[in-house]
Amino acid sequence: MVIVPKEVFLTKGVGRHTEKLSSFELSLRNAGIARFNIVSVSSIFPPECKLITRAQGLRKLQDGQIIFCVMSRNSTNEPNRLVSASVGLAIPKEKKYYGFLSEHSAFGQTEKKAGDYAEDLAASMLATTLGLDFDIDKNYDQRKAIWKISGKIVRTVNVTQSAEGDKNGLWTTVLAAAVFITQPDFSSKASEQKK
């Protein structure tokens, strides 16, 4: 059996509760993925994979289904402490190549800063794989401009959730996720490729 996702969607959520685990559950509900059994995977965006909307993706899944996702999460019970969780995505122009997803979580970073950082991580990983120049001393916007000009990276995006810790000290959990839509391939073609 070969499992290669053909589609992915991005989602995010925030939850608050007296219990840390319950705040995580509420963030999953807010993200729309609490009804699934979640398996965290590493950060490869498969060749030929298509980015779809959250609504499209959720319609393709069943209650209790095992789903694979790249997830970032962060929690605090400190009043007013800013927490963020982000997943960045870099997609190569040539669909036959794989791209990258990156997870980033932080304290004290705004949603925009955390999102840009996660996007930069994903784009940096893809750029080095594609043999593009990577200058760590240049800021993200400068590197992004160079990568876009190269024509090898077609798109970078992020999904980011930030929140301030509850003023009364409840646990506040934020999460961001890229959820893969998978259909196992039991065909003989998949078996032949393994040989």
N, C-alpha and C. Protein backbone atom coordinates (compact mmCIF):
# COMPACT_ATOMS: atom_id res chain seq x y z
N MET A 1 0.84 -1.18 0.00
CA MET A 1 0.00 0.00 0.00
C MET A 1 0.88 1.24 0.00
N VAL A 2 0.60 2.17 -0.90
CA VAL A 2 1.33 3.43 -0.99
C VAL A 2 0.36 4.55 -0.66
N ILE A 3 0.77 5.43 0.25
CA ILE A 3 -0.08 6.57 0.61
C ILE A 3 0.67 7.84 0.23
N VAL A 4 0.20 8.50 -0.83
CA VAL A 4 0.76 9.78 -1.25
C VAL A 4 -0.40 10.76 -1.35
N PRO A 5 -0.43 11.77 -0.50
CA PRO A 5 -1.54 12.72 -0.54
C PRO A 5 -1.64 13.43 -1.88
N LYS A 6 -2.86 13.61 -2.33
CA LYS A 6 -3.14 14.32 -3.58
C LYS A 6 -3.64 15.73 -3.33
N GLU A 7 -4.11 15.98 -2.08
CA GLU A 7 -4.63 17.30 -1.74
C GLU A 7 -4.25 17.62 -0.30
N VAL A 8 -4.24 18.91 0.01
CA VAL A 8 -3.94 19.38 1.37
C VAL A 8 -4.74 20.66 1.61
N PHE A 9 -5.16 20.86 2.86
CA PHE A 9 -5.78 22.14 3.21
C PHE A 9 -5.15 22.67 4.49
N LEU A 10 -5.23 23.98 4.64
CA LEU A 10 -4.66 24.65 5.80
C LEU A 10 -5.79 25.06 6.75
N THR A 11 -5.50 24.96 8.05
CA THR A 11 -6.50 25.35 9.04
C THR A 11 -5.81 25.85 10.30
N LYS A 12 -6.57 26.53 11.15
CA LYS A 12 -6.01 27.06 12.40
C LYS A 12 -7.11 27.16 13.43
N GLY A 13 -6.70 27.25 14.70
CA GLY A 13 -7.69 27.36 15.76
C GLY A 13 -7.09 27.84 17.07
N VAL A 14 -7.97 28.24 17.97
CA VAL A 14 -7.58 28.67 19.31
C VAL A 14 -8.59 28.13 20.31
N GLY A 15 -8.12 27.72 21.48
CA GLY A 15 -9.02 27.23 22.53
C GLY A 15 -8.56 27.69 23.90
N ARG A 16 -9.52 27.89 24.81
CA ARG A 16 -9.22 28.31 26.17
C ARG A 16 -9.99 27.44 27.16
N HIS A 17 -9.28 27.00 28.23
CA HIS A 17 -9.93 26.13 29.22
C HIS A 17 -9.04 26.09 30.46
N THR A 18 -9.62 25.64 31.58
CA THR A 18 -8.83 25.51 32.81
C THR A 18 -7.78 24.41 32.68
N GLU A 19 -8.04 23.40 31.87
CA GLU A 19 -7.11 22.30 31.64
C GLU A 19 -6.38 22.49 30.31
N LYS A 20 -5.08 22.25 30.31
CA LYS A 20 -4.28 22.42 29.09
C LYS A 20 -4.77 21.52 27.97
N LEU A 21 -5.01 20.23 28.27
CA LEU A 21 -5.46 19.28 27.26
C LEU A 21 -6.81 19.70 26.68
N SER A 22 -7.69 20.18 27.53
CA SER A 22 -9.00 20.62 27.05
C SER A 22 -8.89 21.85 26.17
N SER A 23 -7.94 22.73 26.48
CA SER A 23 -7.75 23.90 25.61
C SER A 23 -7.25 23.46 24.24
N PHE A 24 -6.42 22.41 24.20
CA PHE A 24 -5.97 21.86 22.92
C PHE A 24 -7.15 21.28 22.15
N GLU A 25 -8.01 20.52 22.84
CA GLU A 25 -9.21 19.96 22.20
C GLU A 25 -10.08 21.07 21.62
N LEU A 26 -10.25 22.15 22.36
CA LEU A 26 -11.06 23.26 21.86
C LEU A 26 -10.41 23.95 20.66
N SER A 27 -9.08 23.99 20.63
CA SER A 27 -8.40 24.57 19.46
C SER A 27 -8.59 23.67 18.24
N LEU A 28 -8.59 22.35 18.46
CA LEU A 28 -8.86 21.42 17.36
C LEU A 28 -10.29 21.61 16.83
N ARG A 29 -11.24 21.80 17.75
CA ARG A 29 -12.63 22.04 17.34
C ARG A 29 -12.72 23.32 16.52
N ASN A 30 -12.06 24.37 17.01
CA ASN A 30 -12.08 25.65 16.32
C ASN A 30 -11.47 25.53 14.92
N ALA A 31 -10.48 24.66 14.79
CA ALA A 31 -9.84 24.42 13.49
C ALA A 31 -10.65 23.47 12.61
N GLY A 32 -11.66 22.82 13.19
CA GLY A 32 -12.52 21.92 12.43
C GLY A 32 -12.00 20.50 12.30
N ILE A 33 -10.97 20.14 13.10
CA ILE A 33 -10.36 18.81 12.94
C ILE A 33 -10.40 17.95 14.21
N ALA A 34 -11.25 18.30 15.15
CA ALA A 34 -11.32 17.53 16.40
C ALA A 34 -11.96 16.16 16.21
N ARG A 35 -12.72 15.96 15.16
CA ARG A 35 -13.46 14.70 14.96
C ARG A 35 -12.62 13.62 14.28
N PHE A 36 -11.32 13.89 14.10
CA PHE A 36 -10.44 12.94 13.43
C PHE A 36 -9.35 12.43 14.37
N ASN A 37 -8.75 11.29 14.02
CA ASN A 37 -7.57 10.78 14.70
C ASN A 37 -6.35 11.32 13.94
N ILE A 38 -5.57 12.13 14.62
CA ILE A 38 -4.52 12.90 13.95
C ILE A 38 -3.15 12.25 14.13
N VAL A 39 -2.45 12.08 13.03
CA VAL A 39 -1.08 11.58 13.03
C VAL A 39 -0.20 12.70 12.49
N SER A 40 0.76 13.13 13.30
CA SER A 40 1.69 14.18 12.84
C SER A 40 2.76 13.56 11.95
N VAL A 41 3.04 14.25 10.85
CA VAL A 41 4.07 13.79 9.92
C VAL A 41 5.05 14.93 9.69
N SER A 42 6.15 14.59 9.04
CA SER A 42 7.16 15.60 8.75
C SER A 42 6.72 16.49 7.59
N SER A 43 7.63 17.16 6.99
CA SER A 43 7.27 18.36 6.26
C SER A 43 7.47 18.35 4.74
N ILE A 44 7.08 17.27 4.07
CA ILE A 44 7.18 17.23 2.61
C ILE A 44 5.81 17.45 1.98
N PHE A 45 5.75 18.41 1.06
CA PHE A 45 4.56 18.66 0.26
C PHE A 45 4.71 17.80 -1.00
N PRO A 46 3.90 16.74 -1.16
CA PRO A 46 4.12 15.76 -2.22
C PRO A 46 4.03 16.35 -3.63
N PRO A 47 4.75 15.74 -4.58
CA PRO A 47 4.61 16.14 -5.98
C PRO A 47 3.15 15.99 -6.42
N GLU A 48 2.70 16.88 -7.28
CA GLU A 48 1.34 16.84 -7.85
C GLU A 48 0.23 17.09 -6.82
N CYS A 49 0.60 17.45 -5.59
CA CYS A 49 -0.41 17.71 -4.55
C CYS A 49 -1.07 19.07 -4.81
N LYS A 50 -2.35 19.16 -4.51
CA LYS A 50 -3.12 20.38 -4.77
C LYS A 50 -3.56 21.00 -3.45
N LEU A 51 -3.37 22.31 -3.32
CA LEU A 51 -3.84 23.05 -2.16
C LEU A 51 -5.31 23.39 -2.38
N ILE A 52 -6.16 22.93 -1.45
CA ILE A 52 -7.60 23.19 -1.55
C ILE A 52 -8.05 23.97 -0.32
N THR A 53 -9.30 24.42 -0.32
CA THR A 53 -9.82 25.17 0.82
C THR A 53 -10.14 24.24 1.98
N ARG A 54 -10.23 24.81 3.15
CA ARG A 54 -10.60 24.03 4.35
C ARG A 54 -11.98 23.39 4.15
N ALA A 55 -12.93 24.16 3.64
CA ALA A 55 -14.28 23.63 3.44
C ALA A 55 -14.27 22.44 2.48
N GLN A 56 -13.53 22.55 1.39
CA GLN A 56 -13.43 21.42 0.45
C GLN A 56 -12.82 20.20 1.12
N GLY A 57 -11.75 20.41 1.88
CA GLY A 57 -11.07 19.30 2.53
C GLY A 57 -11.92 18.61 3.57
N LEU A 58 -12.60 19.38 4.40
CA LEU A 58 -13.42 18.79 5.46
C LEU A 58 -14.56 17.94 4.90
N ARG A 59 -15.08 18.33 3.73
CA ARG A 59 -16.15 17.54 3.10
C ARG A 59 -15.65 16.16 2.64
N LYS A 60 -14.37 15.99 2.47
CA LYS A 60 -13.81 14.73 1.96
C LYS A 60 -13.42 13.77 3.08
N LEU A 61 -13.60 14.18 4.34
CA LEU A 61 -13.18 13.37 5.47
C LEU A 61 -14.37 12.85 6.27
N GLN A 62 -14.17 11.70 6.94
CA GLN A 62 -15.23 11.07 7.73
C GLN A 62 -14.89 11.13 9.22
N ASP A 63 -15.91 11.18 10.05
CA ASP A 63 -15.71 11.17 11.50
C ASP A 63 -14.86 9.96 11.90
N GLY A 64 -13.87 10.18 12.73
CA GLY A 64 -13.02 9.10 13.22
C GLY A 64 -11.90 8.70 12.28
N GLN A 65 -11.86 9.29 11.10
CA GLN A 65 -10.83 8.94 10.12
C GLN A 65 -9.44 9.30 10.64
N ILE A 66 -8.45 8.48 10.30
CA ILE A 66 -7.06 8.81 10.60
C ILE A 66 -6.59 9.78 9.53
N ILE A 67 -6.13 10.94 9.98
CA ILE A 67 -5.61 11.94 9.05
C ILE A 67 -4.15 12.23 9.37
N PHE A 68 -3.41 12.57 8.35
CA PHE A 68 -2.02 12.95 8.49
C PHE A 68 -1.92 14.46 8.34
N CYS A 69 -1.14 15.08 9.21
CA CYS A 69 -0.98 16.52 9.08
C CYS A 69 0.35 16.99 9.64
N VAL A 70 0.77 18.15 9.14
CA VAL A 70 1.90 18.87 9.71
C VAL A 70 1.26 19.89 10.63
N MET A 71 1.58 19.84 11.92
CA MET A 71 0.93 20.70 12.90
C MET A 71 1.93 21.43 13.77
N SER A 72 1.59 22.67 14.06
CA SER A 72 2.33 23.47 15.03
C SER A 72 1.34 23.89 16.11
N ARG A 73 1.76 23.83 17.37
CA ARG A 73 0.88 24.27 18.44
C ARG A 73 1.69 24.89 19.56
N ASN A 74 1.01 25.72 20.33
CA ASN A 74 1.67 26.41 21.44
C ASN A 74 0.61 26.74 22.48
N SER A 75 1.02 26.76 23.75
CA SER A 75 0.08 27.01 24.85
C SER A 75 0.70 27.89 25.91
N THR A 76 -0.16 28.60 26.63
CA THR A 76 0.27 29.38 27.78
C THR A 76 -0.89 29.49 28.77
N ASN A 77 -0.55 29.62 30.06
CA ASN A 77 -1.56 29.97 31.06
C ASN A 77 -1.18 31.29 31.74
N GLU A 78 -0.24 32.00 31.13
CA GLU A 78 0.16 33.32 31.62
C GLU A 78 -0.75 34.38 31.03
N PRO A 79 -1.42 35.17 31.87
CA PRO A 79 -2.31 36.21 31.36
C PRO A 79 -1.58 37.15 30.40
N ASN A 80 -2.23 37.41 29.28
CA ASN A 80 -1.77 38.38 28.27
C ASN A 80 -0.49 37.98 27.52
N ARG A 81 0.05 36.79 27.75
CA ARG A 81 1.25 36.39 27.02
C ARG A 81 0.85 36.01 25.60
N LEU A 82 1.53 36.59 24.62
CA LEU A 82 1.23 36.34 23.22
C LEU A 82 1.86 35.03 22.77
N VAL A 83 1.03 34.13 22.22
CA VAL A 83 1.52 32.85 21.68
C VAL A 83 1.10 32.74 20.22
N SER A 84 1.91 32.05 19.46
CA SER A 84 1.57 31.85 18.05
C SER A 84 2.02 30.47 17.60
N ALA A 85 1.31 29.98 16.59
CA ALA A 85 1.65 28.71 15.94
C ALA A 85 1.44 28.91 14.45
N SER A 86 2.38 28.42 13.65
CA SER A 86 2.30 28.67 12.21
C SER A 86 2.83 27.49 11.42
N VAL A 87 2.27 27.28 10.25
CA VAL A 87 2.77 26.32 9.27
C VAL A 87 2.99 27.09 7.97
N GLY A 88 4.21 27.00 7.43
CA GLY A 88 4.52 27.63 6.15
C GLY A 88 4.57 26.58 5.06
N LEU A 89 4.29 27.00 3.83
CA LEU A 89 4.28 26.09 2.69
C LEU A 89 4.98 26.75 1.51
N ALA A 90 5.88 26.01 0.89
CA ALA A 90 6.56 26.46 -0.33
C ALA A 90 6.34 25.42 -1.41
N ILE A 91 5.77 25.86 -2.53
CA ILE A 91 5.41 24.97 -3.63
C ILE A 91 6.30 25.26 -4.83
N PRO A 92 6.95 24.22 -5.38
CA PRO A 92 7.80 24.44 -6.56
C PRO A 92 6.96 24.64 -7.82
N LYS A 93 7.52 25.36 -8.78
CA LYS A 93 6.81 25.58 -10.04
C LYS A 93 6.58 24.26 -10.77
N GLU A 94 7.61 23.43 -10.81
CA GLU A 94 7.49 22.13 -11.47
C GLU A 94 6.75 21.17 -10.54
N LYS A 95 5.54 20.81 -10.92
CA LYS A 95 4.69 19.98 -10.05
C LYS A 95 5.25 18.58 -9.82
N LYS A 96 6.21 18.15 -10.64
CA LYS A 96 6.79 16.82 -10.46
C LYS A 96 7.77 16.77 -9.28
N TYR A 97 8.14 17.94 -8.74
CA TYR A 97 9.03 18.00 -7.58
C TYR A 97 8.23 18.19 -6.31
N TYR A 98 8.81 17.82 -5.19
CA TYR A 98 8.14 18.02 -3.92
C TYR A 98 8.48 19.40 -3.35
N GLY A 99 7.59 19.88 -2.51
CA GLY A 99 7.80 21.15 -1.82
C GLY A 99 8.01 20.90 -0.34
N PHE A 100 7.92 21.95 0.45
CA PHE A 100 8.17 21.84 1.89
C PHE A 100 7.09 22.54 2.70
N LEU A 101 6.84 21.95 3.87
CA LEU A 101 6.01 22.56 4.90
C LEU A 101 6.91 22.75 6.13
N SER A 102 6.69 23.81 6.86
CA SER A 102 7.49 24.05 8.07
C SER A 102 6.58 24.41 9.23
N GLU A 103 6.97 23.96 10.41
CA GLU A 103 6.23 24.29 11.63
C GLU A 103 7.03 25.31 12.44
N HIS A 104 6.32 26.29 13.00
CA HIS A 104 6.98 27.29 13.84
C HIS A 104 6.01 27.70 14.95
N SER A 105 6.51 27.76 16.17
CA SER A 105 5.72 28.28 17.28
C SER A 105 6.58 29.25 18.06
N ALA A 106 5.94 30.26 18.66
CA ALA A 106 6.73 31.29 19.34
C ALA A 106 5.91 31.97 20.43
N PHE A 107 6.64 32.61 21.32
CA PHE A 107 6.05 33.48 22.33
C PHE A 107 6.44 34.91 21.96
N GLY A 108 5.49 35.83 22.05
CA GLY A 108 5.79 37.23 21.82
C GLY A 108 5.84 37.65 20.36
N GLN A 109 5.60 36.74 19.42
CA GLN A 109 5.59 37.11 18.01
C GLN A 109 4.16 37.37 17.55
N THR A 110 4.00 38.41 16.75
CA THR A 110 2.69 38.68 16.18
C THR A 110 2.35 37.60 15.15
N GLU A 111 1.10 37.56 14.76
CA GLU A 111 0.67 36.59 13.76
C GLU A 111 1.44 36.77 12.46
N LYS A 112 1.61 38.02 12.04
CA LYS A 112 2.33 38.29 10.78
C LYS A 112 3.79 37.86 10.86
N LYS A 113 4.44 38.20 11.95
CA LYS A 113 5.86 37.84 12.08
C LYS A 113 6.05 36.33 12.13
N ALA A 114 5.22 35.64 12.88
CA ALA A 114 5.32 34.18 12.97
C ALA A 114 5.02 33.54 11.61
N GLY A 115 4.02 34.05 10.91
CA GLY A 115 3.66 33.52 9.60
C GLY A 115 4.77 33.73 8.58
N ASP A 116 5.34 34.93 8.56
CA ASP A 116 6.46 35.20 7.64
C ASP A 116 7.64 34.29 7.94
N TYR A 117 7.89 34.05 9.23
CA TYR A 117 9.02 33.20 9.62
C TYR A 117 8.81 31.76 9.13
N ALA A 118 7.60 31.23 9.34
CA ALA A 118 7.30 29.86 8.90
C ALA A 118 7.38 29.74 7.39
N GLU A 119 6.88 30.75 6.69
CA GLU A 119 6.93 30.76 5.23
C GLU A 119 8.39 30.78 4.74
N ASP A 120 9.20 31.59 5.41
CA ASP A 120 10.62 31.69 5.07
C ASP A 120 11.32 30.36 5.30
N LEU A 121 11.00 29.67 6.40
CA LEU A 121 11.61 28.36 6.66
C LEU A 121 11.30 27.38 5.53
N ALA A 122 10.04 27.32 5.13
CA ALA A 122 9.65 26.40 4.06
C ALA A 122 10.33 26.77 2.75
N ALA A 123 10.33 28.06 2.42
CA ALA A 123 10.95 28.51 1.16
C ALA A 123 12.45 28.27 1.17
N SER A 124 13.08 28.46 2.33
CA SER A 124 14.53 28.22 2.44
C SER A 124 14.87 26.76 2.20
N MET A 125 14.07 25.86 2.78
CA MET A 125 14.31 24.43 2.58
C MET A 125 14.13 24.05 1.11
N LEU A 126 13.09 24.59 0.48
CA LEU A 126 12.86 24.30 -0.93
C LEU A 126 13.97 24.89 -1.79
N ALA A 127 14.38 26.11 -1.50
CA ALA A 127 15.42 26.77 -2.29
C ALA A 127 16.72 25.97 -2.28
N THR A 128 17.11 25.49 -1.11
CA THR A 128 18.36 24.73 -1.05
C THR A 128 18.24 23.40 -1.78
N THR A 129 17.06 22.79 -1.77
CA THR A 129 16.83 21.55 -2.50
C THR A 129 16.91 21.78 -4.01
N LEU A 130 16.44 22.94 -4.46
CA LEU A 130 16.43 23.26 -5.88
C LEU A 130 17.75 23.87 -6.35
N GLY A 131 18.69 24.06 -5.42
CA GLY A 131 19.99 24.60 -5.78
C GLY A 131 20.00 26.11 -5.96
N LEU A 132 19.02 26.81 -5.38
CA LEU A 132 18.97 28.27 -5.48
C LEU A 132 19.88 28.90 -4.44
N ASP A 133 20.31 30.12 -4.72
CA ASP A 133 21.16 30.84 -3.77
C ASP A 133 20.41 31.04 -2.46
N PHE A 134 21.13 30.84 -1.39
CA PHE A 134 20.56 31.03 -0.05
C PHE A 134 21.55 31.85 0.77
N ASP A 135 21.19 33.09 1.02
CA ASP A 135 22.05 33.99 1.79
C ASP A 135 21.34 34.30 3.10
N ILE A 136 21.85 33.70 4.17
CA ILE A 136 21.20 33.85 5.48
C ILE A 136 21.22 35.29 5.97
N ASP A 137 22.15 36.10 5.44
CA ASP A 137 22.25 37.50 5.86
C ASP A 137 21.19 38.40 5.23
N LYS A 138 20.54 37.92 4.18
CA LYS A 138 19.47 38.71 3.57
C LYS A 138 18.17 38.44 4.31
N ASN A 139 17.33 39.47 4.36
CA ASN A 139 16.06 39.27 5.05
C ASN A 139 15.11 38.48 4.14
N TYR A 140 14.00 38.06 4.72
CA TYR A 140 13.07 37.19 4.01
C TYR A 140 12.56 37.82 2.71
N ASP A 141 12.21 39.11 2.76
CA ASP A 141 11.68 39.76 1.57
C ASP A 141 12.70 39.79 0.43
N GLN A 142 13.98 39.99 0.77
CA GLN A 142 15.03 39.98 -0.25
C GLN A 142 15.19 38.58 -0.85
N ARG A 143 15.22 37.57 0.02
CA ARG A 143 15.35 36.19 -0.47
C ARG A 143 14.14 35.81 -1.31
N LYS A 144 12.95 36.21 -0.85
CA LYS A 144 11.72 35.88 -1.56
C LYS A 144 11.75 36.46 -2.97
N ALA A 145 12.22 37.69 -3.10
CA ALA A 145 12.31 38.33 -4.42
C ALA A 145 13.25 37.55 -5.34
N ILE A 146 14.39 37.12 -4.81
CA ILE A 146 15.35 36.34 -5.61
C ILE A 146 14.73 35.03 -6.05
N TRP A 147 14.06 34.34 -5.12
CA TRP A 147 13.46 33.05 -5.43
C TRP A 147 12.35 33.18 -6.47
N LYS A 148 11.54 34.24 -6.35
CA LYS A 148 10.46 34.45 -7.32
C LYS A 148 11.04 34.71 -8.71
N ILE A 149 12.11 35.49 -8.77
CA ILE A 149 12.76 35.80 -10.05
C ILE A 149 13.30 34.53 -10.69
N SER A 150 13.80 33.60 -9.87
CA SER A 150 14.36 32.36 -10.40
C SER A 150 13.31 31.54 -11.14
N GLY A 151 12.04 31.74 -10.78
CA GLY A 151 10.96 31.01 -11.43
C GLY A 151 10.79 29.58 -10.96
N LYS A 152 11.55 29.16 -9.96
CA LYS A 152 11.48 27.77 -9.50
C LYS A 152 10.53 27.57 -8.33
N ILE A 153 10.27 28.64 -7.59
CA ILE A 153 9.31 28.57 -6.49
C ILE A 153 8.09 29.36 -6.93
N VAL A 154 6.96 28.68 -7.07
CA VAL A 154 5.78 29.33 -7.62
C VAL A 154 4.92 30.01 -6.54
N ARG A 155 4.93 29.45 -5.33
CA ARG A 155 4.03 30.00 -4.32
C ARG A 155 4.53 29.69 -2.92
N THR A 156 4.40 30.67 -2.04
CA THR A 156 4.61 30.44 -0.61
C THR A 156 3.41 31.02 0.13
N VAL A 157 2.94 30.29 1.12
CA VAL A 157 1.81 30.72 1.93
C VAL A 157 2.04 30.24 3.36
N ASN A 158 1.24 30.76 4.26
CA ASN A 158 1.27 30.25 5.64
C ASN A 158 -0.12 30.30 6.23
N VAL A 159 -0.30 29.50 7.27
CA VAL A 159 -1.50 29.58 8.09
C VAL A 159 -1.00 29.77 9.51
N THR A 160 -1.50 30.80 10.18
CA THR A 160 -0.97 31.17 11.49
C THR A 160 -2.10 31.56 12.43
N GLN A 161 -1.96 31.12 13.67
CA GLN A 161 -2.92 31.51 14.72
C GLN A 161 -2.13 32.08 15.88
N SER A 162 -2.51 33.27 16.32
CA SER A 162 -1.91 33.84 17.52
C SER A 162 -3.03 34.25 18.46
N ALA A 163 -2.70 34.35 19.74
CA ALA A 163 -3.68 34.78 20.74
C ALA A 163 -2.94 35.21 21.99
N GLU A 164 -3.57 36.09 22.74
CA GLU A 164 -3.03 36.48 24.05
C GLU A 164 -3.56 35.51 25.09
N GLY A 165 -2.70 35.19 26.05
CA GLY A 165 -3.13 34.33 27.14
C GLY A 165 -4.33 34.92 27.86
N ASP A 166 -5.24 34.05 28.27
CA ASP A 166 -6.46 34.48 28.94
C ASP A 166 -6.14 35.34 30.16
N LYS A 167 -6.86 36.44 30.32
CA LYS A 167 -6.57 37.40 31.41
C LYS A 167 -6.77 36.79 32.79
N ASN A 168 -7.56 35.70 32.89
CA ASN A 168 -7.80 35.05 34.17
C ASN A 168 -6.94 33.81 34.37
N GLY A 169 -5.99 33.57 33.46
CA GLY A 169 -5.06 32.46 33.63
C GLY A 169 -5.52 31.12 33.10
N LEU A 170 -6.60 31.10 32.32
CA LEU A 170 -6.99 29.85 31.67
C LEU A 170 -5.90 29.45 30.67
N TRP A 171 -5.78 28.16 30.39
CA TRP A 171 -4.86 27.73 29.35
C TRP A 171 -5.38 28.21 28.00
N THR A 172 -4.49 28.80 27.22
CA THR A 172 -4.79 29.25 25.87
C THR A 172 -3.90 28.46 24.92
N THR A 173 -4.49 27.73 23.99
CA THR A 173 -3.73 26.94 23.02
C THR A 173 -4.07 27.42 21.62
N VAL A 174 -3.02 27.61 20.84
CA VAL A 174 -3.17 27.96 19.42
C VAL A 174 -2.59 26.84 18.58
N LEU A 175 -3.16 26.62 17.41
CA LEU A 175 -2.60 25.61 16.51
C LEU A 175 -2.79 26.05 15.07
N ALA A 176 -1.89 25.54 14.24
CA ALA A 176 -1.97 25.71 12.79
C ALA A 176 -1.64 24.35 12.19
N ALA A 177 -2.30 23.99 11.11
CA ALA A 177 -2.08 22.66 10.53
C ALA A 177 -2.29 22.65 9.03
N ALA A 178 -1.52 21.79 8.38
CA ALA A 178 -1.72 21.45 6.98
C ALA A 178 -2.21 20.00 7.00
N VAL A 179 -3.44 19.78 6.58
CA VAL A 179 -4.07 18.47 6.67
C VAL A 179 -4.08 17.82 5.29
N PHE A 180 -3.51 16.62 5.21
CA PHE A 180 -3.44 15.89 3.95
C PHE A 180 -4.70 15.07 3.72
N ILE A 181 -5.16 15.06 2.48
CA ILE A 181 -6.26 14.20 2.06
C ILE A 181 -5.60 13.02 1.35
N THR A 182 -5.77 11.83 1.91
CA THR A 182 -5.10 10.64 1.37
C THR A 182 -6.10 9.57 0.99
N GLN A 183 -5.80 8.91 -0.08
CA GLN A 183 -6.54 7.73 -0.50
C GLN A 183 -5.49 6.68 -0.82
N PRO A 184 -5.38 5.61 -0.02
CA PRO A 184 -4.37 4.59 -0.30
C PRO A 184 -4.50 4.04 -1.71
N ASP A 185 -3.38 3.78 -2.34
CA ASP A 185 -3.34 3.24 -3.70
C ASP A 185 -2.97 1.76 -3.62
N PHE A 186 -3.92 0.90 -3.91
CA PHE A 186 -3.70 -0.54 -3.85
C PHE A 186 -3.43 -1.12 -5.24
N SER A 187 -3.23 -0.23 -6.21
CA SER A 187 -3.08 -0.71 -7.59
C SER A 187 -1.76 -1.45 -7.80
N SER A 188 -1.70 -2.19 -8.87
CA SER A 188 -0.47 -2.92 -9.20
C SER A 188 0.64 -1.98 -9.60
N LYS A 189 0.27 -0.80 -10.13
CA LYS A 189 1.26 0.21 -10.50
C LYS A 189 2.06 0.64 -9.26
N ALA A 190 1.36 0.85 -8.16
CA ALA A 190 2.04 1.25 -6.92
C ALA A 190 2.96 0.14 -6.45
N SER A 191 2.52 -1.11 -6.57
CA SER A 191 3.35 -2.24 -6.16
C SER A 191 4.59 -2.35 -7.02
N GLU A 192 4.44 -2.11 -8.33
CA GLU A 192 5.58 -2.19 -9.25
C GLU A 192 6.61 -1.12 -8.96
N GLN A 193 6.16 0.07 -8.57
CA GLN A 193 7.08 1.17 -8.28
C GLN A 193 7.96 0.85 -7.08
N LYS A 194 7.45 0.04 -6.17
CA LYS A 194 8.21 -0.32 -4.96
C LYS A 194 9.35 -1.27 -5.26
N LYS A 195 9.22 -2.07 -6.33
CA LYS A 195 10.23 -3.09 -6.64
C LYS A 195 11.52 -2.49 -7.13
